[in-house]
Amino acid sequence: MSHEKRRGPVMIDLEEEVAPEVTPATAPPVPEPGLPQGAAMHSVAAMATRPRSKLARWFFAALGALVTFMLSVAAWSWVAGLLAANPLLGMIAGVLLALVLALLLAIAVKEAWAFRRLARLDHIQRDAGAALGAQDLTLAQSVSAQMLALYAGRDELASGVARVKAREGEVFDADGLLALSERELLAPLDRLALREVEGAARQVATVTAVVPLALADVTAALTSNLRMIRRVAEIYGGRSGTLGAWRLTRSVFTHLVATGAVAVGDDLIGSVAGGGVLSRVSRRFGEGVVNGALTARVGVAAIEVCRPLPFRAVERPSVSGLVGRALTGLFGLRG
């Protein structure tokens, strides 16, 4: 079967693409060379969020077990040898070894208690989210009771605890009850936490700006952020030990990196603009402003992670405002 071939001209319509008109309003911003990016804080974020493989975790766990076993056997053999050679010296060595073991046990109990305190905050946060999502008054009352128990022994919250107890029976919706708890119990703690964040941002900015030593800014940023996150957790009732503080730090930085918040964003425009101006006078001054701003952003994230309730009745702190208050007078910035 033969097909009939069509012969003749073929017309193809070609639509010319018209380039959009570029105006000053639609033109992309001109990149500013040399704008500080906060290299120290990015290094800290990379260290805190570095992924750990399962193989590496198993290796270090096995290595730790092996070293502990070897030290235990060596200590036991040493004490047994001293007892055989000189009973008095052996008894002294045994007492000292028992003291060391008791202190290690106390440290382990303290770390376990710290993890329990952090888990308690996590539990309250989950219940509060569920109560707000479902508008469950009974669950909101449970959250309020947990917060009252958590802050019952805090002198600075004694009046707030009394007001919540006096007025909670008058509130008949989940939003209102949790808003009452937030205003009376968390607002005073927010002010304490913000002072810690401002102090950490000021310290990081100062060290970055005035200390020319290599890695000094990274060291200052790491230690200041660790101390800030630990203090924020303590303020909200989640006293953390060494391991708990590191775990909390990883959680905060992982959240920031996952959401792209360890970067120059809208809430840092004013701070970065100030850093850009200062960088023309001194590159380190500009880096100091941006590192301080990023430290403030980490502090706000730590507050959100450690705070039992989300920001609803109380305004969420602004990073730009925090940086302005922290660095006012330090580099001539105004918030």
Foldseek 3Di string as FASTA:
>chain_A
DDDDDDDDDDDDDDDDDDDDDDDPVRDDDDDDPLQAWQPLVVVLLCVLQPDDDPVNVVVVVVVVVVVVVVVVVVLVVVLVVCCVVPVVVSVVSVVVVVVVVVVVVVLVVVQVVLVVQLVLLVVLQVLLVVCVVVFPQVSLVVSLVSLCVLCVPPPVLPVLSVVLVVCVVVDDISVVSVLSCCVRPVVVLVVVLLVLLLQLLLQLLVCLQPPPDPCSSNVSLNVSLLVSLQVSLVSQRNRHDPVRSSVLLSVLSVVCVVVVNSTDDDLCVLQSVVLRVVVVVPVSNSSSSNNSLSSSVSSLSSNCSNHSYHPDSHDRDGSNQSSQVSCCVVSPHHD
